[in-house]
Amino acid sequence: MYIMVIGCSEIGYHLTKALLATGHEVVVIEKDQARCQLLTDELGSVVQWGDGTDEVVLKQAGASRADVFVAVTGRDETNLVACQVTKHVFQVPRTMAVLKDSKNEPVFHLLGVDVVVNA
């Protein structure tokens, strides 16, 4: 299964490592260039620097062939936009997002995010 993850703080890091360990093909997109370099040194070419809401970055990362898209940035707005772009522009069949503010959960469901996890 091809899985895209945006945001590689603690949640994204551990999720990516677990997915790789179970044999999935994974790409993680990280916006912070310094963090991206550290992760590349450890995880290798599965890490891509860029903005996970940018269509060009998502296209380069292979969004059109992704089976699952997981947004785990620290911002609910970013996670929602990224899920919307991947679902509607790239037709990714399954989107998942972590949210920080539980008041936002109904909006995520209303706008079609398949799985919402309240951090």
C-alpha atoms as a PDB file:
ATOM      1  CA  MET A   1       0.000   0.000   0.000  1.00  0.00           C
ATOM      2  CA  TYR A   2       1.302   3.497  -0.849  1.00  0.00           C
ATOM      3  CA  ILE A   3       0.802   5.881   2.075  1.00  0.00           C
ATOM      4  CA  MET A   4       1.562   9.597   2.200  1.00  0.00           C
ATOM      5  CA  VAL A   5       2.143  11.339   5.533  1.00  0.00           C
ATOM      6  CA  ILE A   6       2.457  15.086   5.987  1.00  0.00           C
ATOM      7  CA  GLY A   7       4.058  16.378   9.114  1.00  0.00           C
ATOM      8  CA  CYS A   8       6.915  14.528  10.701  1.00  0.00           C
ATOM      9  CA  SER A   9       6.956  15.616  14.290  1.00  0.00           C
ATOM     10  CA  GLU A  10       6.680  12.858  16.885  1.00  0.00           C
ATOM     11  CA  ILE A  11       3.414  11.360  15.568  1.00  0.00           C
ATOM     12  CA  GLY A  12       4.485  11.445  11.931  1.00  0.00           C
ATOM     13  CA  TYR A  13       7.926  10.076  12.722  1.00  0.00           C
ATOM     14  CA  HIS A  14       6.661   7.063  14.675  1.00  0.00           C
ATOM     15  CA  LEU A  15       3.843   6.419  12.213  1.00  0.00           C
ATOM     16  CA  THR A  16       6.257   6.474   9.275  1.00  0.00           C
ATOM     17  CA  LYS A  17       8.689   4.111  11.002  1.00  0.00           C
ATOM     18  CA  ALA A  18       5.867   1.683  11.879  1.00  0.00           C
ATOM     19  CA  LEU A  19       4.471   1.728   8.345  1.00  0.00           C
ATOM     20  CA  LEU A  20       7.905   1.121   6.829  1.00  0.00           C
ATOM     21  CA  ALA A  21       8.540  -1.725   9.283  1.00  0.00           C
ATOM     22  CA  THR A  22       5.348  -3.453   8.155  1.00  0.00           C
ATOM     23  CA  GLY A  23       6.328  -3.256   4.503  1.00  0.00           C
ATOM     24  CA  HIS A  24       4.299  -0.313   3.258  1.00  0.00           C
ATOM     25  CA  GLU A  25       5.622   2.129   0.701  1.00  0.00           C
ATOM     26  CA  VAL A  26       5.654   5.491   2.470  1.00  0.00           C
ATOM     27  CA  VAL A  27       6.561   9.057   1.668  1.00  0.00           C
ATOM     28  CA  VAL A  28       6.558  11.731   4.342  1.00  0.00           C
ATOM     29  CA  ILE A  29       6.417  15.430   3.506  1.00  0.00           C
ATOM     30  CA  GLU A  30       7.922  17.828   6.039  1.00  0.00           C
ATOM     31  CA  LYS A  31       7.858  21.618   5.776  1.00  0.00           C
ATOM     32  CA  ASP A  32      10.694  22.359   8.213  1.00  0.00           C
ATOM     33  CA  GLN A  33      13.896  22.032   6.192  1.00  0.00           C
ATOM     34  CA  ALA A  34      16.193  21.363   9.176  1.00  0.00           C
ATOM     35  CA  ARG A  35      13.872  18.644  10.501  1.00  0.00           C
ATOM     36  CA  CYS A  36      13.574  17.237   7.001  1.00  0.00           C
ATOM     37  CA  GLN A  37      17.370  16.874   6.766  1.00  0.00           C
ATOM     38  CA  LEU A  38      17.559  15.079  10.123  1.00  0.00           C
ATOM     39  CA  LEU A  39      14.801  12.700   9.049  1.00  0.00           C
ATOM     40  CA  THR A  40      16.409  12.103   5.663  1.00  0.00           C
ATOM     41  CA  ASP A  41      19.650  11.156   7.440  1.00  0.00           C
ATOM     42  CA  GLU A  42      17.742   8.538   9.446  1.00  0.00           C
ATOM     43  CA  LEU A  43      14.927   7.374   7.161  1.00  0.00           C
ATOM     44  CA  GLY A  44      16.453   7.999   3.731  1.00  0.00           C
ATOM     45  CA  SER A  45      14.663   8.905   0.550  1.00  0.00           C
ATOM     46  CA  VAL A  46      11.146   8.478   1.967  1.00  0.00           C
ATOM     47  CA  VAL A  47      11.364  12.054   3.280  1.00  0.00           C
ATOM     48  CA  GLN A  48      10.514  14.962   0.990  1.00  0.00           C
ATOM     49  CA  TRP A  49      10.865  18.625   1.898  1.00  0.00           C
ATOM     50  CA  GLY A  50       7.872  20.816   1.089  1.00  0.00           C
ATOM     51  CA  ASP A  51       4.419  22.074   1.957  1.00  0.00           C
ATOM     52  CA  GLY A  52       1.906  19.234   2.153  1.00  0.00           C
ATOM     53  CA  THR A  53      -0.893  21.513   0.973  1.00  0.00           C
ATOM     54  CA  ASP A  54       0.898  22.466  -2.252  1.00  0.00           C
ATOM     55  CA  GLU A  55      -0.411  20.598  -5.308  1.00  0.00           C
ATOM     56  CA  VAL A  56       3.000  20.611  -6.991  1.00  0.00           C
ATOM     57  CA  VAL A  57       4.696  19.083  -3.937  1.00  0.00           C
ATOM     58  CA  LEU A  58       1.928  16.489  -3.603  1.00  0.00           C
ATOM     59  CA  LYS A  59       2.157  15.624  -7.292  1.00  0.00           C
ATOM     60  CA  GLN A  60       5.936  15.178  -7.074  1.00  0.00           C
ATOM     61  CA  ALA A  61       5.443  12.898  -4.064  1.00  0.00           C
ATOM     62  CA  GLY A  62       3.052  10.693  -6.042  1.00  0.00           C
ATOM     63  CA  ALA A  63      -0.297  11.715  -4.585  1.00  0.00           C
ATOM     64  CA  SER A  64      -2.158  10.454  -7.638  1.00  0.00           C
ATOM     65  CA  ARG A  65      -1.207   6.876  -6.779  1.00  0.00           C
ATOM     66  CA  ALA A  66      -1.587   7.070  -2.992  1.00  0.00           C
ATOM     67  CA  ASP A  67      -3.952   4.640  -1.306  1.00  0.00           C
ATOM     68  CA  VAL A  68      -4.042   6.556   1.978  1.00  0.00           C
ATOM     69  CA  PHE A  69      -3.167  10.112   2.972  1.00  0.00           C
ATOM     70  CA  VAL A  70      -2.450  10.958   6.617  1.00  0.00           C
ATOM     71  CA  ALA A  71      -2.156  14.556   7.863  1.00  0.00           C
ATOM     72  CA  VAL A  72      -0.431  14.870  11.230  1.00  0.00           C
ATOM     73  CA  THR A  73       0.856  18.439  11.286  1.00  0.00           C
ATOM     74  CA  GLY A  74       0.385  20.546  14.375  1.00  0.00           C
ATOM     75  CA  ARG A  75      -2.303  22.694  12.722  1.00  0.00           C
ATOM     76  CA  ASP A  76      -5.896  21.629  12.134  1.00  0.00           C
ATOM     77  CA  GLU A  77      -6.257  24.030   9.191  1.00  0.00           C
ATOM     78  CA  THR A  78      -3.256  22.536   7.422  1.00  0.00           C
ATOM     79  CA  ASN A  79      -4.480  18.990   8.009  1.00  0.00           C
ATOM     80  CA  LEU A  80      -7.935  19.805   6.663  1.00  0.00           C
ATOM     81  CA  VAL A  81      -6.674  21.594   3.536  1.00  0.00           C
ATOM     82  CA  ALA A  82      -4.179  18.826   2.785  1.00  0.00           C
ATOM     83  CA  CYS A  83      -6.885  16.160   3.075  1.00  0.00           C
ATOM     84  CA  GLN A  84      -9.218  18.177   0.837  1.00  0.00           C
ATOM     85  CA  VAL A  85      -6.563  18.676  -1.848  1.00  0.00           C
ATOM     86  CA  THR A  86      -5.544  15.022  -1.912  1.00  0.00           C
ATOM     87  CA  LYS A  87      -9.129  13.763  -1.930  1.00  0.00           C
ATOM     88  CA  HIS A  88     -10.522  16.140  -4.556  1.00  0.00           C
ATOM     89  CA  VAL A  89      -7.538  16.897  -6.790  1.00  0.00           C
ATOM     90  CA  PHE A  90      -5.731  13.547  -6.639  1.00  0.00           C
ATOM     91  CA  GLN A  91      -8.698  11.276  -5.796  1.00  0.00           C
ATOM     92  CA  VAL A  92      -6.916   9.611  -2.868  1.00  0.00           C
ATOM     93  CA  PRO A  93      -9.518   7.113  -1.634  1.00  0.00           C
ATOM     94  CA  ARG A  94      -8.804   7.355   2.110  1.00  0.00           C
ATOM     95  CA  THR A  95      -7.814  10.444   4.101  1.00  0.00           C
ATOM     96  CA  MET A  96      -6.985  10.638   7.780  1.00  0.00           C
ATOM     97  CA  ALA A  97      -6.208  13.617  10.000  1.00  0.00           C
ATOM     98  CA  VAL A  98      -5.176  14.334  13.551  1.00  0.00           C
ATOM     99  CA  LEU A  99      -6.769  17.348  15.174  1.00  0.00           C
ATOM    100  CA  LYS A 100      -5.764  19.458  18.107  1.00  0.00           C
ATOM    101  CA  ASP A 101      -9.084  21.208  18.776  1.00  0.00           C
ATOM    102  CA  SER A 102     -12.028  18.846  19.218  1.00  0.00           C
ATOM    103  CA  LYS A 103     -14.432  21.646  18.208  1.00  0.00           C
ATOM    104  CA  ASN A 104     -13.169  21.211  14.640  1.00  0.00           C
ATOM    105  CA  GLU A 105     -14.125  17.538  14.378  1.00  0.00           C
ATOM    106  CA  PRO A 106     -17.617  18.080  12.879  1.00  0.00           C
ATOM    107  CA  VAL A 107     -16.127  20.239  10.112  1.00  0.00           C
ATOM    108  CA  PHE A 108     -13.602  17.546   9.217  1.00  0.00           C
ATOM    109  CA  HIS A 109     -16.365  14.943   8.948  1.00  0.00           C
ATOM    110  CA  LEU A 110     -18.642  17.321   7.032  1.00  0.00           C
ATOM    111  CA  LEU A 111     -15.894  18.027   4.486  1.00  0.00           C
ATOM    112  CA  GLY A 112     -15.218  14.339   3.895  1.00  0.00           C
ATOM    113  CA  VAL A 113     -12.135  13.435   5.896  1.00  0.00           C
ATOM    114  CA  ASP A 114     -12.563   9.695   6.336  1.00  0.00           C
ATOM    115  CA  VAL A 115     -10.861   9.197   9.704  1.00  0.00           C
ATOM    116  CA  VAL A 116     -10.434  11.911  12.307  1.00  0.00           C
ATOM    117  CA  VAL A 117      -8.311  11.306  15.401  1.00  0.00           C
ATOM    118  CA  ASN A 118      -8.564  13.785  18.243  1.00  0.00           C
ATOM    119  CA  ALA A 119      -5.095  14.227  19.739  1.00  0.00           C
END
